[in-house]
């Protein structure tokens, strides 16, 4: 299975591409914004393609040609304004979903926010609410897109070394989770068709990632 990783140069994305390249059944195509980002992925023997989420849908669809799955791990980051949140986390996600349809890619995994319910929007701080709104509507768009989707809702992301163990369920208590373990969760989800049409929250825990995903 060839997987287009959108947001490959991000912190989850880099872990993910490396893990995909180490797997037996998966191969990565890293979508990057700048050619100078390519060397990291070329060292992993991963294919790269330059495309920007702020470009048109057709350019993203071209990046997705010939792949079997898309993983959306892109994010505007904590130090950008509301404009970038709209352009990347909302519009970028929706354009990628639409690009998947054009490129005939049915499998789509979305890395969302921990809680994107309407209640979460109302409870969020004024600075965080735009991000939750963006993720909320991106998730809604994906659910209604007739794709083989999985939506992963990670807890508070950290750069701690992954443990290979998580807690994953429809709802779990809030907690932290290493980005490395979210990447492991994505790989396990790609390899398990039972995750299609499902969404779940993930935090650090005591269950090996593969077992946690198999029990979803």
N, C-alpha and C. Protein backbone atom coordinates (compact mmCIF):
# COMPACT_ATOMS: atom_id res chain seq x y z
N UNK A 1 0.85 -1.19 0.00
CA UNK A 1 0.00 0.00 0.00
C UNK A 1 0.88 1.24 0.00
N UNK A 2 0.65 2.11 -0.97
CA UNK A 2 1.39 3.37 -1.01
C UNK A 2 0.56 4.45 -0.31
N UNK A 3 1.21 5.19 0.58
CA UNK A 3 0.51 6.14 1.44
C UNK A 3 1.05 7.55 1.21
N UNK A 4 0.17 8.48 0.86
CA UNK A 4 0.55 9.89 0.79
C UNK A 4 0.44 10.48 2.19
N UNK A 5 1.55 10.96 2.71
CA UNK A 5 1.56 11.60 4.02
C UNK A 5 1.53 13.10 3.82
N UNK A 6 0.40 13.72 4.14
CA UNK A 6 0.23 15.17 4.02
C UNK A 6 0.66 15.80 5.34
N UNK A 7 1.62 16.72 5.25
CA UNK A 7 2.23 17.23 6.48
C UNK A 7 3.42 16.39 6.89
N UNK A 8 4.08 15.80 5.90
CA UNK A 8 5.17 14.86 6.18
C UNK A 8 6.31 15.50 6.94
N UNK A 9 6.54 16.79 6.74
CA UNK A 9 7.67 17.45 7.40
C UNK A 9 7.35 17.89 8.83
N UNK A 10 6.13 17.62 9.28
CA UNK A 10 5.77 17.90 10.66
C UNK A 10 6.31 16.84 11.60
N UNK A 11 6.09 17.05 12.88
CA UNK A 11 6.69 16.16 13.87
C UNK A 11 6.08 14.76 13.85
N UNK A 12 4.76 14.67 13.70
CA UNK A 12 4.15 13.35 13.54
C UNK A 12 4.52 12.79 12.17
N UNK A 13 4.48 13.63 11.16
CA UNK A 13 4.74 13.17 9.80
C UNK A 13 6.10 12.52 9.62
N UNK A 14 7.12 13.10 10.23
CA UNK A 14 8.46 12.52 10.09
C UNK A 14 8.53 11.14 10.74
N UNK A 15 7.96 11.00 11.94
CA UNK A 15 7.89 9.69 12.58
C UNK A 15 7.14 8.71 11.67
N UNK A 16 6.03 9.17 11.11
CA UNK A 16 5.17 8.29 10.32
C UNK A 16 5.87 7.79 9.07
N UNK A 17 6.49 8.69 8.34
CA UNK A 17 7.18 8.26 7.11
C UNK A 17 8.25 7.23 7.43
N UNK A 18 9.01 7.47 8.50
CA UNK A 18 10.05 6.52 8.89
C UNK A 18 9.46 5.15 9.22
N UNK A 19 8.35 5.13 9.95
CA UNK A 19 7.73 3.86 10.32
C UNK A 19 7.13 3.15 9.13
N UNK A 20 6.53 3.92 8.22
CA UNK A 20 5.99 3.31 7.01
C UNK A 20 7.10 2.66 6.20
N UNK A 21 8.21 3.34 6.09
CA UNK A 21 9.33 2.79 5.31
C UNK A 21 9.92 1.55 5.96
N UNK A 22 9.76 1.43 7.28
CA UNK A 22 10.26 0.25 7.99
C UNK A 22 9.28 -0.91 7.96
N UNK A 23 8.05 -0.65 7.51
CA UNK A 23 7.03 -1.70 7.51
C UNK A 23 7.16 -2.58 6.27
N UNK A 24 6.53 -3.74 6.33
CA UNK A 24 6.63 -4.68 5.22
C UNK A 24 5.65 -4.38 4.10
N UNK A 25 4.49 -3.84 4.46
CA UNK A 25 3.41 -3.75 3.49
C UNK A 25 3.09 -2.33 3.04
N UNK A 26 3.82 -1.33 3.55
CA UNK A 26 3.52 0.06 3.25
C UNK A 26 4.72 0.77 2.64
N UNK A 27 4.42 1.74 1.80
CA UNK A 27 5.45 2.63 1.26
C UNK A 27 4.93 4.06 1.33
N UNK A 28 5.82 5.00 1.61
CA UNK A 28 5.40 6.38 1.81
C UNK A 28 5.72 7.25 0.61
N UNK A 29 4.80 8.19 0.35
CA UNK A 29 5.08 9.34 -0.50
C UNK A 29 4.91 10.57 0.40
N UNK A 30 5.98 11.28 0.63
CA UNK A 30 5.97 12.42 1.54
C UNK A 30 5.59 13.68 0.78
N UNK A 31 4.49 14.32 1.17
CA UNK A 31 4.10 15.60 0.56
C UNK A 31 4.73 16.72 1.38
N UNK A 32 5.57 17.49 0.71
CA UNK A 32 6.32 18.57 1.38
C UNK A 32 6.05 19.89 0.65
N UNK A 33 6.31 20.99 1.36
CA UNK A 33 6.05 22.31 0.77
C UNK A 33 7.25 22.87 0.02
N UNK A 34 8.46 22.41 0.40
CA UNK A 34 9.67 22.98 -0.18
C UNK A 34 10.63 21.85 -0.58
N UNK A 35 11.27 22.06 -1.71
CA UNK A 35 12.20 21.05 -2.22
C UNK A 35 13.34 20.77 -1.23
N UNK A 36 13.75 21.81 -0.49
CA UNK A 36 14.86 21.61 0.44
C UNK A 36 14.51 20.70 1.63
N UNK A 37 13.23 20.38 1.78
CA UNK A 37 12.83 19.44 2.84
C UNK A 37 12.98 17.98 2.40
N UNK A 38 13.31 17.75 1.15
CA UNK A 38 13.26 16.40 0.59
C UNK A 38 14.35 15.48 1.11
N UNK A 39 15.54 16.02 1.46
CA UNK A 39 16.68 15.15 1.78
C UNK A 39 16.39 14.21 2.94
N UNK A 40 15.67 14.68 3.95
CA UNK A 40 15.33 13.81 5.10
C UNK A 40 14.61 12.55 4.63
N UNK A 41 13.67 12.72 3.71
CA UNK A 41 12.84 11.60 3.27
C UNK A 41 13.57 10.75 2.23
N UNK A 42 14.41 11.37 1.44
CA UNK A 42 15.20 10.61 0.48
C UNK A 42 16.18 9.68 1.20
N UNK A 43 16.67 10.13 2.36
CA UNK A 43 17.54 9.27 3.16
C UNK A 43 16.79 8.04 3.68
N UNK A 44 15.47 8.13 3.77
CA UNK A 44 14.64 7.00 4.19
C UNK A 44 14.18 6.18 2.99
N UNK A 45 14.64 6.56 1.80
CA UNK A 45 14.23 5.92 0.56
C UNK A 45 12.74 6.09 0.31
N UNK A 46 12.20 7.24 0.77
CA UNK A 46 10.80 7.55 0.56
C UNK A 46 10.64 8.49 -0.62
N UNK A 47 9.59 8.28 -1.37
CA UNK A 47 9.26 9.17 -2.48
C UNK A 47 8.80 10.52 -1.92
N UNK A 48 9.12 11.60 -2.60
CA UNK A 48 8.65 12.93 -2.17
C UNK A 48 7.93 13.63 -3.32
N UNK A 49 7.04 14.53 -2.94
CA UNK A 49 6.37 15.37 -3.93
C UNK A 49 6.10 16.73 -3.29
N UNK A 50 6.35 17.78 -4.04
CA UNK A 50 6.19 19.14 -3.52
C UNK A 50 4.78 19.63 -3.88
N UNK A 51 4.02 19.99 -2.85
CA UNK A 51 2.69 20.56 -3.04
C UNK A 51 2.34 21.34 -1.78
N UNK A 52 1.51 22.36 -1.94
CA UNK A 52 1.16 23.24 -0.83
C UNK A 52 -0.34 23.17 -0.60
N UNK A 53 -0.74 23.03 0.67
CA UNK A 53 -2.16 22.94 1.00
C UNK A 53 -2.92 24.23 0.67
N UNK A 54 -2.19 25.32 0.45
CA UNK A 54 -2.85 26.56 0.08
C UNK A 54 -2.96 26.71 -1.44
N UNK A 55 -2.45 25.70 -2.18
CA UNK A 55 -2.64 25.68 -3.62
C UNK A 55 -4.04 25.14 -3.94
N UNK A 56 -4.33 24.97 -5.23
CA UNK A 56 -5.66 24.49 -5.60
C UNK A 56 -5.80 22.99 -5.41
N UNK A 57 -7.03 22.53 -5.49
CA UNK A 57 -7.32 21.11 -5.25
C UNK A 57 -6.60 20.23 -6.26
N UNK A 58 -6.53 20.67 -7.50
CA UNK A 58 -5.92 19.84 -8.54
C UNK A 58 -4.46 19.53 -8.25
N UNK A 59 -3.75 20.48 -7.65
CA UNK A 59 -2.33 20.23 -7.34
C UNK A 59 -2.20 19.18 -6.25
N UNK A 60 -3.13 19.17 -5.31
CA UNK A 60 -3.11 18.14 -4.26
C UNK A 60 -3.52 16.79 -4.85
N UNK A 61 -4.51 16.82 -5.74
CA UNK A 61 -4.94 15.59 -6.40
C UNK A 61 -3.80 14.97 -7.20
N UNK A 62 -3.01 15.81 -7.85
CA UNK A 62 -1.86 15.31 -8.60
C UNK A 62 -0.86 14.63 -7.67
N UNK A 63 -0.68 15.21 -6.48
CA UNK A 63 0.23 14.61 -5.49
C UNK A 63 -0.27 13.25 -5.04
N UNK A 64 -1.59 13.05 -5.12
CA UNK A 64 -2.20 11.81 -4.63
C UNK A 64 -2.35 10.75 -5.72
N UNK A 65 -1.99 11.07 -6.94
CA UNK A 65 -2.15 10.11 -8.03
C UNK A 65 -1.36 8.83 -7.75
N UNK A 66 -2.05 7.70 -7.86
CA UNK A 66 -1.38 6.41 -7.75
C UNK A 66 -1.17 5.90 -6.35
N UNK A 67 -1.63 6.62 -5.33
CA UNK A 67 -1.50 6.11 -3.97
C UNK A 67 -2.77 5.36 -3.58
N UNK A 68 -2.66 4.58 -2.50
CA UNK A 68 -3.77 3.78 -2.03
C UNK A 68 -4.45 4.37 -0.79
N UNK A 69 -3.75 5.29 -0.13
CA UNK A 69 -4.28 5.89 1.10
C UNK A 69 -3.66 7.26 1.30
N UNK A 70 -4.39 8.12 2.01
CA UNK A 70 -3.89 9.44 2.38
C UNK A 70 -4.00 9.59 3.88
N UNK A 71 -2.94 10.11 4.48
CA UNK A 71 -2.97 10.46 5.91
C UNK A 71 -2.77 11.96 6.02
N UNK A 72 -3.72 12.64 6.66
CA UNK A 72 -3.62 14.09 6.83
C UNK A 72 -3.10 14.37 8.23
N UNK A 73 -1.82 14.74 8.30
CA UNK A 73 -1.19 15.06 9.59
C UNK A 73 -0.80 16.53 9.67
N UNK A 74 -1.20 17.31 8.68
CA UNK A 74 -0.77 18.71 8.62
C UNK A 74 -1.47 19.55 9.67
N UNK A 75 -0.81 20.61 10.08
CA UNK A 75 -1.40 21.55 11.03
C UNK A 75 -0.71 22.89 10.93
N UNK A 76 -1.44 23.94 11.23
CA UNK A 76 -0.88 25.29 11.12
C UNK A 76 0.11 25.60 12.22
N UNK A 77 0.05 24.85 13.33
CA UNK A 77 0.99 25.07 14.41
C UNK A 77 0.48 26.08 15.42
N UNK A 78 1.04 26.07 16.64
CA UNK A 78 0.54 26.91 17.72
C UNK A 78 0.93 28.38 17.61
N UNK A 79 1.85 28.71 16.73
CA UNK A 79 2.37 30.08 16.69
C UNK A 79 1.86 30.87 15.48
N UNK A 80 0.84 30.35 14.81
CA UNK A 80 0.26 31.07 13.68
C UNK A 80 -1.08 31.67 14.10
N UNK A 81 -1.62 32.52 13.26
CA UNK A 81 -2.88 33.17 13.57
C UNK A 81 -4.08 32.39 13.07
N UNK A 82 -5.26 32.99 13.30
CA UNK A 82 -6.51 32.35 12.89
C UNK A 82 -6.56 32.15 11.38
N UNK A 83 -5.91 33.03 10.64
CA UNK A 83 -5.94 32.90 9.18
C UNK A 83 -5.32 31.60 8.73
N UNK A 84 -4.17 31.24 9.29
CA UNK A 84 -3.52 29.99 8.91
C UNK A 84 -4.30 28.78 9.40
N UNK A 85 -4.96 28.91 10.55
CA UNK A 85 -5.80 27.83 11.04
C UNK A 85 -6.90 27.53 10.02
N UNK A 86 -7.50 28.57 9.48
CA UNK A 86 -8.53 28.39 8.47
C UNK A 86 -7.94 27.80 7.19
N UNK A 87 -6.81 28.32 6.75
CA UNK A 87 -6.25 27.93 5.46
C UNK A 87 -5.68 26.51 5.47
N UNK A 88 -5.13 26.08 6.60
CA UNK A 88 -4.49 24.76 6.66
C UNK A 88 -5.38 23.72 7.32
N UNK A 89 -5.78 23.98 8.56
CA UNK A 89 -6.51 22.96 9.33
C UNK A 89 -7.94 22.75 8.84
N UNK A 90 -8.53 23.78 8.23
CA UNK A 90 -9.88 23.63 7.69
C UNK A 90 -9.85 23.48 6.18
N UNK A 91 -9.47 24.55 5.47
CA UNK A 91 -9.53 24.50 4.02
C UNK A 91 -8.54 23.49 3.44
N UNK A 92 -7.36 23.41 4.01
CA UNK A 92 -6.38 22.43 3.54
C UNK A 92 -6.87 21.01 3.69
N UNK A 93 -7.52 20.74 4.82
CA UNK A 93 -8.06 19.40 5.05
C UNK A 93 -9.18 19.09 4.06
N UNK A 94 -10.09 20.04 3.88
CA UNK A 94 -11.21 19.82 2.97
C UNK A 94 -10.72 19.66 1.53
N UNK A 95 -9.75 20.47 1.13
CA UNK A 95 -9.21 20.33 -0.23
C UNK A 95 -8.55 18.96 -0.41
N UNK A 96 -7.90 18.45 0.63
CA UNK A 96 -7.27 17.13 0.53
C UNK A 96 -8.32 16.04 0.41
N UNK A 97 -9.42 16.17 1.12
CA UNK A 97 -10.52 15.21 1.00
C UNK A 97 -11.07 15.23 -0.42
N UNK A 98 -11.29 16.42 -0.95
CA UNK A 98 -11.80 16.53 -2.32
C UNK A 98 -10.78 16.02 -3.34
N UNK A 99 -9.50 16.24 -3.06
CA UNK A 99 -8.45 15.72 -3.94
C UNK A 99 -8.43 14.20 -3.94
N UNK A 100 -8.71 13.60 -2.78
CA UNK A 100 -8.77 12.14 -2.69
C UNK A 100 -9.84 11.59 -3.63
N UNK A 101 -10.98 12.27 -3.69
CA UNK A 101 -12.05 11.83 -4.59
C UNK A 101 -11.59 11.92 -6.04
N UNK A 102 -10.95 13.03 -6.41
CA UNK A 102 -10.49 13.22 -7.80
C UNK A 102 -9.47 12.14 -8.18
N UNK A 103 -8.59 11.82 -7.23
CA UNK A 103 -7.53 10.85 -7.49
C UNK A 103 -7.98 9.41 -7.25
N UNK A 104 -9.25 9.22 -6.90
CA UNK A 104 -9.80 7.88 -6.65
C UNK A 104 -9.06 7.15 -5.53
N UNK A 105 -8.78 7.88 -4.47
CA UNK A 105 -8.16 7.30 -3.28
C UNK A 105 -9.24 7.20 -2.20
N UNK A 106 -9.64 6.00 -1.87
CA UNK A 106 -10.75 5.81 -0.94
C UNK A 106 -10.32 5.89 0.53
N UNK A 107 -9.12 5.40 0.83
CA UNK A 107 -8.70 5.30 2.23
C UNK A 107 -8.14 6.63 2.69
N UNK A 108 -8.65 7.14 3.82
CA UNK A 108 -8.26 8.47 4.30
C UNK A 108 -8.22 8.44 5.82
N UNK A 109 -7.08 8.79 6.38
CA UNK A 109 -6.94 8.89 7.83
C UNK A 109 -6.68 10.34 8.21
N UNK A 110 -7.50 10.84 9.11
CA UNK A 110 -7.41 12.23 9.57
C UNK A 110 -6.89 12.27 11.00
N UNK A 111 -5.84 13.07 11.22
CA UNK A 111 -5.39 13.35 12.57
C UNK A 111 -6.09 14.63 13.01
N UNK A 112 -7.01 14.48 13.94
CA UNK A 112 -7.86 15.58 14.35
C UNK A 112 -7.37 16.15 15.68
N UNK A 113 -8.27 16.76 16.42
CA UNK A 113 -7.99 17.23 17.78
C UNK A 113 -8.70 16.30 18.75
N UNK A 114 -8.32 16.33 20.02
CA UNK A 114 -8.82 15.36 20.99
C UNK A 114 -10.35 15.35 21.06
N UNK A 115 -10.95 16.52 21.08
CA UNK A 115 -12.42 16.62 21.17
C UNK A 115 -12.87 17.71 20.20
N UNK A 116 -13.63 17.32 19.20
CA UNK A 116 -14.09 18.29 18.20
C UNK A 116 -15.61 18.40 18.20
N UNK A 117 -16.22 18.05 19.32
CA UNK A 117 -17.66 18.17 19.41
C UNK A 117 -18.07 19.63 19.52
N UNK A 118 -19.35 19.89 19.30
CA UNK A 118 -19.88 21.24 19.47
C UNK A 118 -19.65 21.73 20.90
N UNK A 119 -19.77 20.82 21.87
CA UNK A 119 -19.54 21.19 23.27
C UNK A 119 -18.11 21.63 23.50
N UNK A 120 -17.17 20.97 22.83
CA UNK A 120 -15.76 21.33 22.98
C UNK A 120 -15.49 22.73 22.43
N UNK A 121 -16.18 23.07 21.35
CA UNK A 121 -16.02 24.42 20.80
C UNK A 121 -16.47 25.46 21.82
N UNK A 122 -17.62 25.22 22.42
CA UNK A 122 -18.18 26.18 23.37
C UNK A 122 -17.31 26.32 24.62
N UNK A 123 -16.64 25.23 24.99
CA UNK A 123 -15.84 25.23 26.21
C UNK A 123 -14.40 25.70 25.99
N UNK A 124 -13.96 25.79 24.74
CA UNK A 124 -12.57 26.13 24.44
C UNK A 124 -12.29 27.60 24.75
N UNK A 125 -11.03 27.88 25.07
CA UNK A 125 -10.62 29.26 25.27
C UNK A 125 -10.73 30.03 23.97
N UNK A 126 -10.76 31.34 24.03
CA UNK A 126 -10.91 32.16 22.83
C UNK A 126 -9.76 31.94 21.85
N UNK A 127 -8.57 31.63 22.35
CA UNK A 127 -7.43 31.43 21.47
C UNK A 127 -7.44 30.04 20.82
N UNK A 128 -8.04 29.06 21.51
CA UNK A 128 -8.03 27.68 21.02
C UNK A 128 -9.28 27.35 20.21
N UNK A 129 -10.36 28.08 20.43
CA UNK A 129 -11.63 27.78 19.78
C UNK A 129 -11.54 27.73 18.25
N UNK A 130 -10.83 28.68 17.58
CA UNK A 130 -10.77 28.60 16.12
C UNK A 130 -10.18 27.28 15.61
N UNK A 131 -9.22 26.75 16.34
CA UNK A 131 -8.61 25.47 15.95
C UNK A 131 -9.63 24.34 16.08
N UNK A 132 -10.37 24.34 17.19
CA UNK A 132 -11.38 23.30 17.40
C UNK A 132 -12.48 23.41 16.34
N UNK A 133 -12.88 24.63 16.02
CA UNK A 133 -13.87 24.85 14.97
C UNK A 133 -13.38 24.28 13.64
N UNK A 134 -12.13 24.59 13.29
CA UNK A 134 -11.56 24.10 12.03
C UNK A 134 -11.56 22.58 11.99
N UNK A 135 -11.12 21.96 13.06
CA UNK A 135 -11.08 20.50 13.11
C UNK A 135 -12.48 19.90 13.10
N UNK A 136 -13.41 20.57 13.79
CA UNK A 136 -14.80 20.09 13.83
C UNK A 136 -15.36 19.97 12.42
N UNK A 137 -15.24 21.04 11.64
CA UNK A 137 -15.85 21.03 10.32
C UNK A 137 -15.07 20.17 9.33
N UNK A 138 -13.76 20.05 9.50
CA UNK A 138 -12.99 19.12 8.67
C UNK A 138 -13.44 17.69 8.93
N UNK A 139 -13.67 17.36 10.20
CA UNK A 139 -14.15 16.02 10.54
C UNK A 139 -15.54 15.77 9.95
N UNK A 140 -16.42 16.75 10.06
CA UNK A 140 -17.77 16.62 9.49
C UNK A 140 -17.68 16.36 7.99
N UNK A 141 -16.84 17.13 7.31
CA UNK A 141 -16.70 16.99 5.85
C UNK A 141 -16.22 15.58 5.49
N UNK A 142 -15.27 15.06 6.28
CA UNK A 142 -14.75 13.73 5.99
C UNK A 142 -15.80 12.65 6.23
N UNK A 143 -16.56 12.78 7.31
CA UNK A 143 -17.60 11.78 7.59
C UNK A 143 -18.62 11.70 6.45
N UNK A 144 -18.86 12.81 5.80
CA UNK A 144 -19.88 12.87 4.76
C UNK A 144 -19.32 12.69 3.35
N UNK A 145 -18.04 12.34 3.25
CA UNK A 145 -17.38 12.32 1.94
C UNK A 145 -17.42 10.98 1.22
N UNK A 146 -18.04 9.98 1.80
CA UNK A 146 -18.13 8.64 1.19
C UNK A 146 -16.75 8.02 0.94
N UNK A 147 -15.80 8.33 1.83
CA UNK A 147 -14.48 7.71 1.77
C UNK A 147 -14.36 6.68 2.90
N UNK A 148 -13.36 5.81 2.78
CA UNK A 148 -13.08 4.83 3.84
C UNK A 148 -12.21 5.52 4.89
N UNK A 149 -12.87 6.26 5.75
CA UNK A 149 -12.14 7.14 6.67
C UNK A 149 -11.88 6.52 8.03
N UNK A 150 -10.86 7.02 8.68
CA UNK A 150 -10.63 6.83 10.11
C UNK A 150 -10.22 8.19 10.65
N UNK A 151 -10.81 8.59 11.78
CA UNK A 151 -10.46 9.86 12.42
C UNK A 151 -9.83 9.55 13.77
N UNK A 152 -8.59 9.98 13.94
CA UNK A 152 -7.85 9.76 15.18
C UNK A 152 -7.80 11.06 15.96
N UNK A 153 -8.23 11.01 17.22
CA UNK A 153 -8.27 12.18 18.10
C UNK A 153 -7.20 12.02 19.18
N UNK A 154 -6.00 12.57 18.97
CA UNK A 154 -4.93 12.39 19.96
C UNK A 154 -5.09 13.32 21.15
N UNK A 155 -4.59 12.87 22.29
CA UNK A 155 -4.52 13.73 23.46
C UNK A 155 -3.46 14.80 23.28
N UNK A 156 -3.04 15.39 24.39
CA UNK A 156 -2.03 16.44 24.33
C UNK A 156 -0.72 15.87 23.83
N UNK A 157 -0.28 16.35 22.68
CA UNK A 157 0.89 15.79 22.01
C UNK A 157 2.18 16.25 22.68
N UNK A 158 3.10 15.30 22.86
CA UNK A 158 4.41 15.62 23.42
C UNK A 158 5.50 15.07 22.51
N UNK A 159 6.72 15.53 22.74
CA UNK A 159 7.87 15.00 22.00
C UNK A 159 8.64 13.96 22.81
N UNK A 160 8.02 13.44 23.86
CA UNK A 160 8.64 12.37 24.62
C UNK A 160 8.85 11.16 23.73
N UNK A 161 9.79 10.32 24.06
CA UNK A 161 10.00 9.08 23.32
C UNK A 161 8.77 8.19 23.49
N UNK A 162 8.33 7.62 22.39
CA UNK A 162 7.16 6.76 22.45
C UNK A 162 7.41 5.51 23.28
N UNK A 163 6.34 5.04 23.89
CA UNK A 163 6.42 3.81 24.70
C UNK A 163 5.91 2.60 23.94
N UNK A 164 5.19 2.86 22.83
CA UNK A 164 4.57 1.77 22.10
C UNK A 164 3.29 1.29 22.74
N UNK A 165 2.84 2.02 23.78
CA UNK A 165 1.61 1.63 24.48
C UNK A 165 0.68 2.84 24.60
N UNK A 166 -0.61 2.60 24.42
CA UNK A 166 -1.60 3.68 24.43
C UNK A 166 -2.89 3.19 25.08
N UNK A 167 -3.80 4.13 25.25
CA UNK A 167 -5.19 3.81 25.54
C UNK A 167 -6.00 4.41 24.41
N UNK A 168 -6.82 3.60 23.77
CA UNK A 168 -7.60 4.06 22.62
C UNK A 168 -9.02 3.54 22.73
N UNK A 169 -9.97 4.44 22.60
CA UNK A 169 -11.39 4.09 22.64
C UNK A 169 -12.18 5.27 22.10
N UNK A 170 -13.48 5.07 21.95
CA UNK A 170 -14.33 6.15 21.47
C UNK A 170 -14.16 7.39 22.34
N UNK A 171 -14.15 7.19 23.64
CA UNK A 171 -13.85 8.28 24.58
C UNK A 171 -12.93 7.77 25.67
N UNK A 172 -11.92 8.56 25.99
CA UNK A 172 -11.00 8.24 27.08
C UNK A 172 -10.79 9.51 27.90
N UNK A 173 -10.21 9.36 29.07
CA UNK A 173 -9.87 10.53 29.88
C UNK A 173 -8.77 11.31 29.18
N UNK A 174 -8.82 12.64 29.31
CA UNK A 174 -7.77 13.46 28.72
C UNK A 174 -6.40 13.08 29.27
N UNK A 175 -5.40 13.18 28.44
CA UNK A 175 -4.05 12.87 28.86
C UNK A 175 -3.07 13.18 27.75
N UNK A 176 -1.81 12.95 28.03
CA UNK A 176 -0.77 13.20 27.04
C UNK A 176 -0.50 11.95 26.22
N UNK A 177 0.13 12.16 25.08
CA UNK A 177 0.56 11.04 24.25
C UNK A 177 1.72 11.51 23.38
N UNK A 178 2.80 10.72 23.31
CA UNK A 178 3.92 11.09 22.44
C UNK A 178 3.53 11.06 20.96
N UNK A 179 4.04 12.00 20.21
CA UNK A 179 3.78 12.01 18.77
C UNK A 179 4.23 10.71 18.11
N UNK A 180 5.31 10.16 18.60
CA UNK A 180 5.82 8.90 18.05
C UNK A 180 4.76 7.79 18.16
N UNK A 181 4.02 7.78 19.27
CA UNK A 181 2.98 6.75 19.45
C UNK A 181 1.74 7.03 18.60
N UNK A 182 1.49 8.28 18.29
CA UNK A 182 0.41 8.57 17.34
C UNK A 182 0.79 8.06 15.96
N UNK A 183 2.05 8.23 15.58
CA UNK A 183 2.51 7.69 14.30
C UNK A 183 2.32 6.17 14.27
N UNK A 184 2.65 5.50 15.38
CA UNK A 184 2.44 4.04 15.46
C UNK A 184 0.95 3.70 15.32
N UNK A 185 0.12 4.53 15.91
CA UNK A 185 -1.32 4.32 15.84
C UNK A 185 -1.81 4.45 14.41
N UNK A 186 -1.26 5.40 13.67
CA UNK A 186 -1.64 5.57 12.27
C UNK A 186 -1.27 4.33 11.46
N UNK A 187 -0.06 3.85 11.64
CA UNK A 187 0.39 2.66 10.90
C UNK A 187 -0.52 1.48 11.21
N UNK A 188 -0.83 1.28 12.48
CA UNK A 188 -1.71 0.17 12.87
C UNK A 188 -3.09 0.33 12.26
N UNK A 189 -3.57 1.55 12.16
CA UNK A 189 -4.89 1.81 11.56
C UNK A 189 -4.87 1.55 10.06
N UNK A 190 -3.79 1.93 9.39
CA UNK A 190 -3.66 1.65 7.96
C UNK A 190 -3.70 0.15 7.68
N UNK A 191 -3.13 -0.61 8.59
CA UNK A 191 -3.01 -2.05 8.38
C UNK A 191 -4.23 -2.83 8.87
N UNK A 192 -5.22 -2.13 9.43
CA UNK A 192 -6.39 -2.80 9.98
C UNK A 192 -7.66 -2.21 9.37
N UNK A 193 -8.27 -2.93 8.44
CA UNK A 193 -9.46 -2.41 7.76
C UNK A 193 -10.65 -2.26 8.70
N UNK A 194 -10.59 -2.87 9.88
CA UNK A 194 -11.68 -2.75 10.84
C UNK A 194 -11.79 -1.33 11.39
N UNK A 195 -10.75 -0.50 11.18
CA UNK A 195 -10.82 0.89 11.65
C UNK A 195 -11.55 1.80 10.66
N UNK A 196 -11.90 1.28 9.51
CA UNK A 196 -12.62 2.09 8.52
C UNK A 196 -14.00 2.47 9.06
N UNK A 197 -14.31 3.76 8.92
CA UNK A 197 -15.60 4.25 9.38
C UNK A 197 -15.65 4.51 10.88
N UNK A 198 -14.49 4.51 11.52
CA UNK A 198 -14.44 4.70 12.97
C UNK A 198 -13.61 5.91 13.34
N UNK A 199 -13.85 6.42 14.53
CA UNK A 199 -13.01 7.47 15.10
C UNK A 199 -12.85 7.20 16.58
N UNK A 200 -11.68 7.59 17.10
CA UNK A 200 -11.38 7.25 18.48
C UNK A 200 -10.35 8.21 19.04
N UNK A 201 -10.37 8.34 20.37
CA UNK A 201 -9.39 9.15 21.08
C UNK A 201 -8.22 8.27 21.51
N UNK A 202 -7.03 8.86 21.58
CA UNK A 202 -5.82 8.12 21.95
C UNK A 202 -4.99 8.93 22.93
N UNK A 203 -4.64 8.32 24.04
CA UNK A 203 -3.70 8.91 25.00
C UNK A 203 -2.69 7.84 25.40
N UNK A 204 -1.68 8.24 26.15
CA UNK A 204 -0.73 7.26 26.65
C UNK A 204 -1.43 6.25 27.53
N UNK A 205 -0.98 5.01 27.50
CA UNK A 205 -1.64 3.96 28.28
C UNK A 205 -0.76 2.75 28.48
N UNK A 206 -1.38 1.62 28.72
CA UNK A 206 -0.65 0.40 29.05
C UNK A 206 -0.84 -0.71 28.03
N UNK A 207 -1.58 -0.45 26.96
CA UNK A 207 -1.86 -1.48 25.99
C UNK A 207 -1.01 -1.27 24.74
N UNK A 208 -0.33 -2.30 24.27
CA UNK A 208 0.43 -2.16 23.03
C UNK A 208 -0.44 -1.59 21.91
N UNK A 209 0.14 -0.72 21.10
CA UNK A 209 -0.62 -0.01 20.07
C UNK A 209 -1.42 -0.97 19.21
N UNK A 210 -0.79 -2.03 18.73
CA UNK A 210 -1.49 -2.96 17.83
C UNK A 210 -2.71 -3.56 18.51
N UNK A 211 -2.57 -3.95 19.75
CA UNK A 211 -3.70 -4.53 20.49
C UNK A 211 -4.79 -3.49 20.70
N UNK A 212 -4.39 -2.27 21.01
CA UNK A 212 -5.37 -1.21 21.25
C UNK A 212 -6.19 -0.94 19.99
N UNK A 213 -5.54 -0.91 18.84
CA UNK A 213 -6.24 -0.65 17.60
C UNK A 213 -7.09 -1.85 17.19
N UNK A 214 -6.60 -3.04 17.42
CA UNK A 214 -7.39 -4.23 17.09
C UNK A 214 -8.66 -4.31 17.92
N UNK A 215 -8.67 -3.67 19.09
CA UNK A 215 -9.84 -3.74 19.97
C UNK A 215 -10.84 -2.60 19.73
N UNK A 216 -10.51 -1.69 18.81
CA UNK A 216 -11.41 -0.55 18.53
C UNK A 216 -12.73 -1.04 17.95
